[in-house]
């Protein structure tokens, strides 16, 4: 069987599909201008579109996956019969901080009353 045109490069596949006449004419014209096979010229035109589509799909996939696993404080508490639940860690930390807006003495300091 005789081969037509240049031999295919390794890792390349040949596809056949129909396109409108004006598109085929444009591809032929550009391939002649750039001294390429029409299929190579079409691939050159499509490569940037394929890259954009790949990035869009990766972005959509990233939006679907959670950014980080939920913390222990966000996870629903496990129900255990007969055991007391511990206070959350935040409540213990808050109790250690001084209360800046708590009750203050009525007399100003230094009045000696």
PDB file of N, CA and C in Angstrom:
ATOM      1  N   UNK A   1       0.846  -1.174   0.000  1.00  0.00           N
ATOM      2  CA  UNK A   1       0.000   0.000   0.000  1.00  0.00           C
ATOM      3  C   UNK A   1       0.898   1.246   0.000  1.00  0.00           C
ATOM      4  N   UNK A   2       0.667   2.122  -0.917  1.00  0.00           N
ATOM      5  CA  UNK A   2       1.495   3.318  -1.046  1.00  0.00           C
ATOM      6  C   UNK A   2       1.049   4.371  -0.045  1.00  0.00           C
ATOM      7  N   UNK A   3       2.025   5.064   0.531  1.00  0.00           N
ATOM      8  CA  UNK A   3       1.704   6.109   1.511  1.00  0.00           C
ATOM      9  C   UNK A   3       1.554   7.433   0.783  1.00  0.00           C
ATOM     10  N   UNK A   4       0.596   8.218   1.215  1.00  0.00           N
ATOM     11  CA  UNK A   4       0.412   9.552   0.652  1.00  0.00           C
ATOM     12  C   UNK A   4       0.956  10.576   1.634  1.00  0.00           C
ATOM     13  N   UNK A   5       1.655  11.575   1.149  1.00  0.00           N
ATOM     14  CA  UNK A   5       2.151  12.636   2.012  1.00  0.00           C
ATOM     15  C   UNK A   5       3.320  12.181   2.854  1.00  0.00           C
ATOM     16  N   UNK A   6       3.588  12.948   3.866  1.00  0.00           N
ATOM     17  CA  UNK A   6       4.697  12.643   4.774  1.00  0.00           C
ATOM     18  C   UNK A   6       4.289  11.540   5.744  1.00  0.00           C
ATOM     19  N   UNK A   7       5.254  10.766   6.231  1.00  0.00           N
ATOM     20  CA  UNK A   7       4.910   9.754   7.245  1.00  0.00           C
ATOM     21  C   UNK A   7       4.542  10.439   8.565  1.00  0.00           C
ATOM     22  N   UNK A   8       3.692   9.766   9.324  1.00  0.00           N
ATOM     23  CA  UNK A   8       3.269  10.313  10.616  1.00  0.00           C
ATOM     24  C   UNK A   8       4.421  10.261  11.617  1.00  0.00           C
ATOM     25  N   UNK A   9       4.458  11.243  12.465  1.00  0.00           N
ATOM     26  CA  UNK A   9       5.471  11.255  13.525  1.00  0.00           C
ATOM     27  C   UNK A   9       5.058  10.240  14.595  1.00  0.00           C
ATOM     28  N   UNK A  10       6.022   9.695  15.332  1.00  0.00           N
ATOM     29  CA  UNK A  10       5.670   8.748  16.398  1.00  0.00           C
ATOM     30  C   UNK A  10       4.783   9.413  17.444  1.00  0.00           C
ATOM     31  N   UNK A  11       3.806   8.676  17.926  1.00  0.00           N
ATOM     32  CA  UNK A  11       2.899   9.201  18.945  1.00  0.00           C
ATOM     33  C   UNK A  11       1.758  10.011  18.374  1.00  0.00           C
ATOM     34  N   UNK A  12       1.686  10.122  17.048  1.00  0.00           N
ATOM     35  CA  UNK A  12       0.617  10.888  16.425  1.00  0.00           C
ATOM     36  C   UNK A  12      -0.441   9.925  15.891  1.00  0.00           C
ATOM     37  N   UNK A  13      -1.660  10.383  15.819  1.00  0.00           N
ATOM     38  CA  UNK A  13      -2.738   9.591  15.242  1.00  0.00           C
ATOM     39  C   UNK A  13      -3.361  10.389  14.109  1.00  0.00           C
ATOM     40  N   UNK A  14      -3.979   9.684  13.212  1.00  0.00           N
ATOM     41  CA  UNK A  14      -4.628  10.351  12.094  1.00  0.00           C
ATOM     42  C   UNK A  14      -6.125  10.345  12.333  1.00  0.00           C
ATOM     43  N   UNK A  15      -6.765  11.506  12.186  1.00  0.00           N
ATOM     44  CA  UNK A  15      -8.211  11.595  12.334  1.00  0.00           C
ATOM     45  C   UNK A  15      -8.795  12.193  11.059  1.00  0.00           C
ATOM     46  N   UNK A  16      -9.992  11.813  10.748  1.00  0.00           N
ATOM     47  CA  UNK A  16     -10.672  12.337   9.573  1.00  0.00           C
ATOM     48  C   UNK A  16     -12.039  12.848  10.000  1.00  0.00           C
ATOM     49  N   UNK A  17     -12.379  14.047   9.579  1.00  0.00           N
ATOM     50  CA  UNK A  17     -13.707  14.591   9.839  1.00  0.00           C
ATOM     51  C   UNK A  17     -14.026  15.638   8.792  1.00  0.00           C
ATOM     52  N   UNK A  18     -15.285  15.948   8.663  1.00  0.00           N
ATOM     53  CA  UNK A  18     -15.726  16.911   7.659  1.00  0.00           C
ATOM     54  C   UNK A  18     -15.809  18.299   8.273  1.00  0.00           C
ATOM     55  N   UNK A  19     -15.396  19.289   7.495  1.00  0.00           N
ATOM     56  CA  UNK A  19     -15.503  20.687   7.914  1.00  0.00           C
ATOM     57  C   UNK A  19     -16.124  21.467   6.765  1.00  0.00           C
ATOM     58  N   UNK A  20     -16.721  22.610   7.051  1.00  0.00           N
ATOM     59  CA  UNK A  20     -17.271  23.434   5.962  1.00  0.00           C
ATOM     60  C   UNK A  20     -16.173  23.857   4.988  1.00  0.00           C
ATOM     61  N   UNK A  21     -16.570  24.157   3.751  1.00  0.00           N
ATOM     62  CA  UNK A  21     -15.608  24.516   2.705  1.00  0.00           C
ATOM     63  C   UNK A  21     -14.745  25.707   3.095  1.00  0.00           C
ATOM     64  N   UNK A  22     -15.351  26.724   3.694  1.00  0.00           N
ATOM     65  CA  UNK A  22     -14.559  27.907   4.027  1.00  0.00           C
ATOM     66  C   UNK A  22     -13.506  27.599   5.087  1.00  0.00           C
ATOM     67  N   UNK A  23     -13.826  26.710   6.020  1.00  0.00           N
ATOM     68  CA  UNK A  23     -12.850  26.319   7.039  1.00  0.00           C
ATOM     69  C   UNK A  23     -11.721  25.525   6.397  1.00  0.00           C
ATOM     70  N   UNK A  24     -12.074  24.596   5.503  1.00  0.00           N
ATOM     71  CA  UNK A  24     -11.053  23.796   4.820  1.00  0.00           C
ATOM     72  C   UNK A  24     -10.148  24.687   3.983  1.00  0.00           C
ATOM     73  N   UNK A  25     -10.750  25.648   3.296  1.00  0.00           N
ATOM     74  CA  UNK A  25      -9.942  26.574   2.494  1.00  0.00           C
ATOM     75  C   UNK A  25      -8.986  27.384   3.371  1.00  0.00           C
ATOM     76  N   UNK A  26      -9.485  27.833   4.516  1.00  0.00           N
ATOM     77  CA  UNK A  26      -8.642  28.606   5.434  1.00  0.00           C
ATOM     78  C   UNK A  26      -7.478  27.763   5.942  1.00  0.00           C
ATOM     79  N   UNK A  27      -7.758  26.516   6.306  1.00  0.00           N
ATOM     80  CA  UNK A  27      -6.696  25.629   6.812  1.00  0.00           C
ATOM     81  C   UNK A  27      -5.674  25.366   5.715  1.00  0.00           C
ATOM     82  N   UNK A  28      -6.143  25.117   4.479  1.00  0.00           N
ATOM     83  CA  UNK A  28      -5.214  24.895   3.361  1.00  0.00           C
ATOM     84  C   UNK A  28      -4.349  26.128   3.105  1.00  0.00           C
ATOM     85  N   UNK A  29      -4.985  27.292   3.124  1.00  0.00           N
ATOM     86  CA  UNK A  29      -4.255  28.529   2.883  1.00  0.00           C
ATOM     87  C   UNK A  29      -3.186  28.769   3.944  1.00  0.00           C
ATOM     88  N   UNK A  30      -3.558  28.569   5.205  1.00  0.00           N
ATOM     89  CA  UNK A  30      -2.600  28.783   6.297  1.00  0.00           C
ATOM     90  C   UNK A  30      -1.482  27.745   6.250  1.00  0.00           C
ATOM     91  N   UNK A  31      -1.808  26.503   5.897  1.00  0.00           N
ATOM     92  CA  UNK A  31      -0.763  25.475   5.843  1.00  0.00           C
ATOM     93  C   UNK A  31       0.218  25.758   4.705  1.00  0.00           C
ATOM     94  N   UNK A  32      -0.280  26.309   3.588  1.00  0.00           N
ATOM     95  CA  UNK A  32       0.611  26.685   2.495  1.00  0.00           C
ATOM     96  C   UNK A  32       1.493  27.854   2.910  1.00  0.00           C
ATOM     97  N   UNK A  33       0.881  28.838   3.570  1.00  0.00           N
ATOM     98  CA  UNK A  33       1.630  30.012   4.028  1.00  0.00           C
ATOM     99  C   UNK A  33       2.738  29.624   4.996  1.00  0.00           C
ATOM    100  N   UNK A  34       2.436  28.708   5.928  1.00  0.00           N
ATOM    101  CA  UNK A  34       3.391  28.330   6.971  1.00  0.00           C
ATOM    102  C   UNK A  34       4.205  27.084   6.617  1.00  0.00           C
ATOM    103  N   UNK A  35       4.017  26.574   5.377  1.00  0.00           N
ATOM    104  CA  UNK A  35       4.737  25.394   4.901  1.00  0.00           C
ATOM    105  C   UNK A  35       4.570  24.213   5.857  1.00  0.00           C
ATOM    106  N   UNK A  36       3.325  23.886   6.133  1.00  0.00           N
ATOM    107  CA  UNK A  36       2.999  22.744   6.996  1.00  0.00           C
ATOM    108  C   UNK A  36       1.949  21.896   6.309  1.00  0.00           C
ATOM    109  N   UNK A  37       1.822  20.668   6.782  1.00  0.00           N
ATOM    110  CA  UNK A  37       0.716  19.815   6.344  1.00  0.00           C
ATOM    111  C   UNK A  37      -0.575  20.403   6.912  1.00  0.00           C
ATOM    112  N   UNK A  38      -1.708  20.248   6.207  1.00  0.00           N
ATOM    113  CA  UNK A  38      -2.961  20.806   6.747  1.00  0.00           C
ATOM    114  C   UNK A  38      -3.307  20.297   8.140  1.00  0.00           C
ATOM    115  N   UNK A  39      -3.059  19.021   8.402  1.00  0.00           N
ATOM    116  CA  UNK A  39      -3.348  18.483   9.740  1.00  0.00           C
ATOM    117  C   UNK A  39      -2.485  19.118  10.812  1.00  0.00           C
ATOM    118  N   UNK A  40      -1.215  19.360  10.484  1.00  0.00           N
ATOM    119  CA  UNK A  40      -0.310  19.994  11.448  1.00  0.00           C
ATOM    120  C   UNK A  40      -0.732  21.437  11.697  1.00  0.00           C
ATOM    121  N   UNK A  41      -1.189  22.095  10.633  1.00  0.00           N
ATOM    122  CA  UNK A  41      -1.647  23.477  10.791  1.00  0.00           C
ATOM    123  C   UNK A  41      -2.904  23.532  11.656  1.00  0.00           C
ATOM    124  N   UNK A  42      -3.808  22.593  11.429  1.00  0.00           N
ATOM    125  CA  UNK A  42      -5.026  22.535  12.248  1.00  0.00           C
ATOM    126  C   UNK A  42      -4.667  22.268  13.710  1.00  0.00           C
ATOM    127  N   UNK A  43      -3.738  21.357  13.944  1.00  0.00           N
ATOM    128  CA  UNK A  43      -3.302  21.068  15.317  1.00  0.00           C
ATOM    129  C   UNK A  43      -2.689  22.301  15.960  1.00  0.00           C
ATOM    130  N   UNK A  44      -1.902  23.055  15.185  1.00  0.00           N
ATOM    131  CA  UNK A  44      -1.298  24.285  15.716  1.00  0.00           C
ATOM    132  C   UNK A  44      -2.377  25.289  16.115  1.00  0.00           C
ATOM    133  N   UNK A  45      -3.450  25.340  15.326  1.00  0.00           N
ATOM    134  CA  UNK A  45      -4.551  26.266  15.641  1.00  0.00           C
ATOM    135  C   UNK A  45      -5.334  25.813  16.870  1.00  0.00           C
ATOM    136  N   UNK A  46      -5.481  24.511  17.017  1.00  0.00           N
ATOM    137  CA  UNK A  46      -6.313  23.989  18.106  1.00  0.00           C
ATOM    138  C   UNK A  46      -5.578  23.885  19.433  1.00  0.00           C
ATOM    139  N   UNK A  47      -4.258  23.802  19.414  1.00  0.00           N
ATOM    140  CA  UNK A  47      -3.499  23.601  20.652  1.00  0.00           C
ATOM    141  C   UNK A  47      -3.808  24.638  21.735  1.00  0.00           C
ATOM    142  N   UNK A  48      -3.828  25.948  21.430  1.00  0.00           N
ATOM    143  CA  UNK A  48      -4.151  26.919  22.488  1.00  0.00           C
ATOM    144  C   UNK A  48      -5.563  26.727  23.049  1.00  0.00           C
ATOM    145  N   UNK A  49      -6.516  26.363  22.183  1.00  0.00           N
ATOM    146  CA  UNK A  49      -7.877  26.116  22.669  1.00  0.00           C
ATOM    147  C   UNK A  49      -7.914  24.907  23.591  1.00  0.00           C
ATOM    148  N   UNK A  50      -7.159  23.877  23.243  1.00  0.00           N
ATOM    149  CA  UNK A  50      -7.126  22.682  24.080  1.00  0.00           C
ATOM    150  C   UNK A  50      -6.504  22.991  25.438  1.00  0.00           C
ATOM    151  N   UNK A  51      -5.488  23.825  25.450  1.00  0.00           N
ATOM    152  CA  UNK A  51      -4.832  24.208  26.714  1.00  0.00           C
ATOM    153  C   UNK A  51      -5.794  24.982  27.608  1.00  0.00           C
ATOM    154  N   UNK A  52      -6.552  25.904  27.016  1.00  0.00           N
ATOM    155  CA  UNK A  52      -7.526  26.678  27.789  1.00  0.00           C
ATOM    156  C   UNK A  52      -8.587  25.755  28.356  1.00  0.00           C
ATOM    157  N   UNK A  53      -9.061  24.811  27.555  1.00  0.00           N
ATOM    158  CA  UNK A  53     -10.080  23.866  28.015  1.00  0.00           C
ATOM    159  C   UNK A  53      -9.546  22.994  29.144  1.00  0.00           C
ATOM    160  N   UNK A  54      -8.283  22.559  29.023  1.00  0.00           N
ATOM    161  CA  UNK A  54      -7.677  21.738  30.082  1.00  0.00           C
ATOM    162  C   UNK A  54      -7.607  22.517  31.393  1.00  0.00           C
ATOM    163  N   UNK A  55      -7.207  23.793  31.315  1.00  0.00           N
ATOM    164  CA  UNK A  55      -7.117  24.619  32.521  1.00  0.00           C
ATOM    165  C   UNK A  55      -8.498  24.862  33.123  1.00  0.00           C
ATOM    166  N   UNK A  56      -9.510  25.049  32.260  1.00  0.00           N
ATOM    167  CA  UNK A  56     -10.874  25.278  32.754  1.00  0.00           C
ATOM    168  C   UNK A  56     -11.384  24.046  33.488  1.00  0.00           C
ATOM    169  N   UNK A  57     -11.133  22.871  32.921  1.00  0.00           N
ATOM    170  CA  UNK A  57     -11.577  21.631  33.584  1.00  0.00           C
ATOM    171  C   UNK A  57     -10.847  21.423  34.911  1.00  0.00           C
ATOM    172  N   UNK A  58      -9.560  21.729  34.945  1.00  0.00           N
ATOM    173  CA  UNK A  58      -8.801  21.603  36.197  1.00  0.00           C
ATOM    174  C   UNK A  58      -9.349  22.564  37.240  1.00  0.00           C
ATOM    175  N   UNK A  59      -9.708  23.788  36.827  1.00  0.00           N
ATOM    176  CA  UNK A  59     -10.269  24.769  37.763  1.00  0.00           C
ATOM    177  C   UNK A  59     -11.619  24.290  38.284  1.00  0.00           C
ATOM    178  N   UNK A  60     -12.467  23.738  37.401  1.00  0.00           N
ATOM    179  CA  UNK A  60     -13.765  23.224  37.848  1.00  0.00           C
ATOM    180  C   UNK A  60     -13.578  22.080  38.839  1.00  0.00           C
ATOM    181  N   UNK A  61     -12.634  21.200  38.568  1.00  0.00           N
ATOM    182  CA  UNK A  61     -12.359  20.088  39.477  1.00  0.00           C
ATOM    183  C   UNK A  61     -11.889  20.610  40.825  1.00  0.00           C
ATOM    184  N   UNK A  62     -11.057  21.651  40.809  1.00  0.00           N
ATOM    185  CA  UNK A  62     -10.560  22.229  42.058  1.00  0.00           C
ATOM    186  C   UNK A  62     -11.699  22.857  42.852  1.00  0.00           C
ATOM    187  N   UNK A  63     -12.671  23.461  42.167  1.00  0.00           N
ATOM    188  CA  UNK A  63     -13.798  24.075  42.856  1.00  0.00           C
ATOM    189  C   UNK A  63     -14.692  23.022  43.504  1.00  0.00           C
ATOM    190  N   UNK A  64     -14.743  21.818  42.912  1.00  0.00           N
ATOM    191  CA  UNK A  64     -15.583  20.755  43.463  1.00  0.00           C
ATOM    192  C   UNK A  64     -14.973  20.106  44.699  1.00  0.00           C
ATOM    193  N   UNK A  65     -13.647  20.066  44.786  1.00  0.00           N
ATOM    194  CA  UNK A  65     -13.003  19.398  45.913  1.00  0.00           C
ATOM    195  C   UNK A  65     -12.858  20.368  47.078  1.00  0.00           C
ATOM    196  N   UNK A  66     -13.008  19.876  48.317  1.00  0.00           N
ATOM    197  CA  UNK A  66     -12.833  20.776  49.466  1.00  0.00           C
ATOM    198  C   UNK A  66     -11.387  21.244  49.560  1.00  0.00           C
ATOM    199  N   UNK A  67     -11.213  22.456  50.051  1.00  0.00           N
ATOM    200  CA  UNK A  67      -9.889  23.052  50.144  1.00  0.00           C
ATOM    201  C   UNK A  67      -9.054  22.339  51.198  1.00  0.00           C
ATOM    202  N   UNK A  68      -9.660  22.063  52.326  1.00  0.00           N
ATOM    203  CA  UNK A  68      -8.936  21.369  53.399  1.00  0.00           C
ATOM    204  C   UNK A  68      -9.919  20.463  54.127  1.00  0.00           C
ATOM    205  N   UNK A  69      -9.413  19.451  54.805  1.00  0.00           N
ATOM    206  CA  UNK A  69     -10.321  18.599  55.574  1.00  0.00           C
ATOM    207  C   UNK A  69     -10.867  19.381  56.766  1.00  0.00           C
ATOM    208  N   UNK A  70     -12.082  19.090  57.217  1.00  0.00           N
ATOM    209  CA  UNK A  70     -12.651  19.825  58.343  1.00  0.00           C
ATOM    210  C   UNK A  70     -11.850  19.587  59.621  1.00  0.00           C
ATOM    211  N   UNK A  71     -11.732  20.644  60.444  1.00  0.00           N
ATOM    212  CA  UNK A  71     -11.031  20.526  61.715  1.00  0.00           C
ATOM    213  C   UNK A  71     -11.837  19.658  62.675  1.00  0.00           C
ATOM    214  N   UNK A  72     -11.200  19.271  63.762  1.00  0.00           N
ATOM    215  CA  UNK A  72     -11.883  18.456  64.759  1.00  0.00           C
ATOM    216  C   UNK A  72     -13.035  19.244  65.386  1.00  0.00           C
ATOM    217  N   UNK A  73     -12.877  20.571  65.511  1.00  0.00           N
ATOM    218  CA  UNK A  73     -13.941  21.377  66.117  1.00  0.00           C
ATOM    219  C   UNK A  73     -15.145  21.493  65.177  1.00  0.00           C
ATOM    220  N   UNK A  74     -14.931  21.356  63.855  1.00  0.00           N
ATOM    221  CA  UNK A  74     -16.019  21.446  62.901  1.00  0.00           C
ATOM    222  C   UNK A  74     -16.707  20.106  62.692  1.00  0.00           C
ATOM    223  N   UNK A  75     -16.023  19.032  63.002  1.00  0.00           N
ATOM    224  CA  UNK A  75     -16.596  17.707  62.789  1.00  0.00           C
ATOM    225  C   UNK A  75     -17.725  17.476  63.794  1.00  0.00           C
ATOM    226  N   UNK A  76     -18.752  16.749  63.395  1.00  0.00           N
ATOM    227  CA  UNK A  76     -19.837  16.478  64.341  1.00  0.00           C
ATOM    228  C   UNK A  76     -19.323  15.622  65.496  1.00  0.00           C
ATOM    229  N   UNK A  77     -19.730  15.942  66.722  1.00  0.00           N
ATOM    230  CA  UNK A  77     -19.231  15.179  67.871  1.00  0.00           C
ATOM    231  C   UNK A  77     -19.757  13.749  67.851  1.00  0.00           C
ATOM    232  N   UNK A  78     -18.905  12.846  68.267  1.00  0.00           N
ATOM    233  CA  UNK A  78     -19.308  11.446  68.335  1.00  0.00           C
ATOM    234  C   UNK A  78     -20.137  11.242  69.597  1.00  0.00           C
ATOM    235  N   UNK A  79     -21.247  10.573  69.475  1.00  0.00           N
ATOM    236  CA  UNK A  79     -22.123  10.294  70.627  1.00  0.00           C
ATOM    237  C   UNK A  79     -21.597   9.060  71.348  1.00  0.00           C
ATOM    238  N   UNK A  80     -21.296   9.241  72.610  1.00  0.00           N
ATOM    239  CA  UNK A  80     -20.841   8.113  73.431  1.00  0.00           C
ATOM    240  C   UNK A  80     -21.727   8.050  74.659  1.00  0.00           C
ATOM    241  N   UNK A  81     -22.353   6.950  74.841  1.00  0.00           N
ATOM    242  CA  UNK A  81     -23.278   6.793  75.971  1.00  0.00           C
ATOM    243  C   UNK A  81     -22.492   6.671  77.276  1.00  0.00           C
ATOM    244  N   UNK A  82     -22.957   7.386  78.316  1.00  0.00           N
ATOM    245  CA  UNK A  82     -22.375   7.263  79.635  1.00  0.00           C
ATOM    246  C   UNK A  82     -21.143   8.113  79.869  1.00  0.00           C
ATOM    247  N   UNK A  83     -20.699   8.889  78.936  1.00  0.00           N
ATOM    248  CA  UNK A  83     -19.526   9.733  79.140  1.00  0.00           C
ATOM    249  C   UNK A  83     -19.931  11.185  79.014  1.00  0.00           C
ATOM    250  N   UNK A  84     -19.274  12.018  79.826  1.00  0.00           N
ATOM    251  CA  UNK A  84     -19.520  13.448  79.748  1.00  0.00           C
ATOM    252  C   UNK A  84     -18.816  14.013  78.516  1.00  0.00           C
ATOM    253  N   UNK A  85     -19.447  15.007  77.940  1.00  0.00           N
ATOM    254  CA  UNK A  85     -18.782  15.683  76.838  1.00  0.00           C
ATOM    255  C   UNK A  85     -17.858  16.744  77.424  1.00  0.00           C
ATOM    256  N   UNK A  86     -16.682  16.872  76.850  1.00  0.00           N
ATOM    257  CA  UNK A  86     -15.742  17.894  77.297  1.00  0.00           C
ATOM    258  C   UNK A  86     -16.126  19.218  76.669  1.00  0.00           C
ATOM    259  N   UNK A  87     -15.745  20.305  77.348  1.00  0.00           N
ATOM    260  CA  UNK A  87     -15.983  21.625  76.788  1.00  0.00           C
ATOM    261  C   UNK A  87     -15.095  21.814  75.572  1.00  0.00           C
ATOM    262  N   UNK A  88     -15.538  22.562  74.605  1.00  0.00           N
ATOM    263  CA  UNK A  88     -14.670  22.816  73.451  1.00  0.00           C
ATOM    264  C   UNK A  88     -13.399  23.549  73.888  1.00  0.00           C
ATOM    265  N   UNK A  89     -12.354  23.372  73.131  1.00  0.00           N
ATOM    266  CA  UNK A  89     -11.054  23.979  73.460  1.00  0.00           C
ATOM    267  C   UNK A  89     -11.142  25.501  73.483  1.00  0.00           C
ATOM    268  N   UNK A  90     -11.991  26.077  72.650  1.00  0.00           N
ATOM    269  CA  UNK A  90     -12.095  27.534  72.604  1.00  0.00           C
ATOM    270  C   UNK A  90     -12.648  28.084  73.921  1.00  0.00           C
ATOM    271  N   UNK A  91     -13.588  27.419  74.530  1.00  0.00           N
ATOM    272  CA  UNK A  91     -14.168  27.899  75.778  1.00  0.00           C
ATOM    273  C   UNK A  91     -13.104  27.905  76.884  1.00  0.00           C
ATOM    274  N   UNK A  92     -12.250  26.899  76.910  1.00  0.00           N
ATOM    275  CA  UNK A  92     -11.188  26.859  77.918  1.00  0.00           C
ATOM    276  C   UNK A  92     -10.175  27.977  77.678  1.00  0.00           C
ATOM    277  N   UNK A  93      -9.839  28.225  76.418  1.00  0.00           N
ATOM    278  CA  UNK A  93      -8.876  29.285  76.119  1.00  0.00           C
ATOM    279  C   UNK A  93      -9.438  30.651  76.481  1.00  0.00           C
ATOM    280  N   UNK A  94     -10.724  30.860  76.231  1.00  0.00           N
ATOM    281  CA  UNK A  94     -11.333  32.148  76.526  1.00  0.00           C
ATOM    282  C   UNK A  94     -11.394  32.395  78.031  1.00  0.00           C
ATOM    283  N   UNK A  95     -11.585  31.357  78.815  1.00  0.00           N
ATOM    284  CA  UNK A  95     -11.665  31.546  80.256  1.00  0.00           C
ATOM    285  C   UNK A  95     -10.309  31.928  80.840  1.00  0.00           C
ATOM    286  N   UNK A  96      -9.211  31.594  80.169  1.00  0.00           N
ATOM    287  CA  UNK A  96      -7.890  31.933  80.669  1.00  0.00           C
ATOM    288  C   UNK A  96      -7.537  33.393  80.401  1.00  0.00           C
ATOM    289  N   UNK A  97      -8.204  34.024  79.451  1.00  0.00           N
ATOM    290  CA  UNK A  97      -7.913  35.415  79.130  1.00  0.00           C
ATOM    291  C   UNK A  97      -8.578  36.334  80.151  1.00  0.00           C
ATOM    292  N   UNK A  98      -7.936  37.461  80.511  1.00  0.00           N
ATOM    293  CA  UNK A  98      -8.564  38.379  81.467  1.00  0.00           C
ATOM    294  C   UNK A  98      -9.774  39.066  80.835  1.00  0.00           C
ATOM    295  N   UNK A  99     -10.756  39.348  81.665  1.00  0.00           N
ATOM    296  CA  UNK A  99     -11.967  40.018  81.202  1.00  0.00           C
ATOM    297  C   UNK A  99     -11.726  41.515  81.280  1.00  0.00           C
ATOM    298  N   UNK A 100     -11.521  42.155  80.130  1.00  0.00           N
ATOM    299  CA  UNK A 100     -11.208  43.580  80.107  1.00  0.00           C
ATOM    300  C   UNK A 100     -12.439  44.445  80.359  1.00  0.00           C
ATOM    301  N   UNK A 101     -13.620  43.924  80.109  1.00  0.00           N
ATOM    302  CA  UNK A 101     -14.837  44.710  80.259  1.00  0.00           C
ATOM    303  C   UNK A 101     -15.666  44.231  81.445  1.00  0.00           C
ATOM    304  N   UNK A 102     -15.036  43.544  82.375  1.00  0.00           N
ATOM    305  CA  UNK A 102     -15.754  43.009  83.529  1.00  0.00           C
ATOM    306  C   UNK A 102     -16.052  44.118  84.546  1.00  0.00           C
ATOM    307  N   UNK A 103     -16.593  43.693  85.709  1.00  0.00           N
ATOM    308  CA  UNK A 103     -16.928  44.658  86.753  1.00  0.00           C
ATOM    309  C   UNK A 103     -15.653  45.304  87.269  1.00  0.00           C
ATOM    310  N   UNK A 104     -15.668  46.615  87.363  1.00  0.00           N
ATOM    311  CA  UNK A 104     -14.514  47.371  87.861  1.00  0.00           C
ATOM    312  C   UNK A 104     -14.908  48.003  89.183  1.00  0.00           C
ATOM    313  N   UNK A 105     -13.919  48.304  90.064  1.00  0.00           N
ATOM    314  CA  UNK A 105     -14.260  48.959  91.336  1.00  0.00           C
ATOM    315  C   UNK A 105     -14.881  50.339  91.064  1.00  0.00           C
ATOM    316  N   UNK A 106     -15.832  50.704  91.902  1.00  0.00           N
ATOM    317  CA  UNK A 106     -16.529  51.984  91.729  1.00  0.00           C
ATOM    318  C   UNK A 106     -15.623  53.169  92.022  1.00  0.00           C
ATOM    319  N   UNK A 107     -14.708  53.027  92.978  1.00  0.00           N
ATOM    320  CA  UNK A 107     -13.810  54.125  93.312  1.00  0.00           C
ATOM    321  C   UNK A 107     -12.655  54.190  92.334  1.00  0.00           C
ATOM    322  N   UNK A 108     -12.302  55.348  91.857  1.00  0.00           N
ATOM    323  CA  UNK A 108     -11.138  55.440  90.987  1.00  0.00           C
ATOM    324  C   UNK A 108      -9.876  55.133  91.782  1.00  0.00           C
ATOM    325  N   UNK A 109      -8.863  54.594  91.164  1.00  0.00           N
ATOM    326  CA  UNK A 109      -7.652  54.273  91.905  1.00  0.00           C
ATOM    327  C   UNK A 109      -6.957  55.531  92.423  1.00  0.00           C
ATOM    328  N   UNK A 110      -6.458  55.463  93.639  1.00  0.00           N
ATOM    329  CA  UNK A 110      -5.742  56.581  94.246  1.00  0.00           C
ATOM    330  C   UNK A 110      -6.615  57.533  95.023  1.00  0.00           C
ATOM    331  N   UNK A 111      -7.934  57.324  95.065  1.00  0.00           N
ATOM    332  CA  UNK A 111      -8.809  58.259  95.796  1.00  0.00           C
ATOM    333  C   UNK A 111      -8.734  57.987  97.301  1.00  0.00           C
ATOM    334  N   UNK A 112      -8.408  56.727  97.673  1.00  0.00           N
ATOM    335  CA  UNK A 112      -8.182  56.390  99.082  1.00  0.00           C
ATOM    336  C   UNK A 112      -9.444  56.436  99.921  1.00  0.00           C
ATOM    337  N   UNK A 113     -10.547  56.670  99.478  1.00  0.00           N
ATOM    338  CA  UNK A 113     -11.848  56.699  99.988  1.00  0.00           C
ATOM    339  C   UNK A 113     -12.253  56.564 101.317  1.00  0.00           C
TER     340      UNK A 113
END
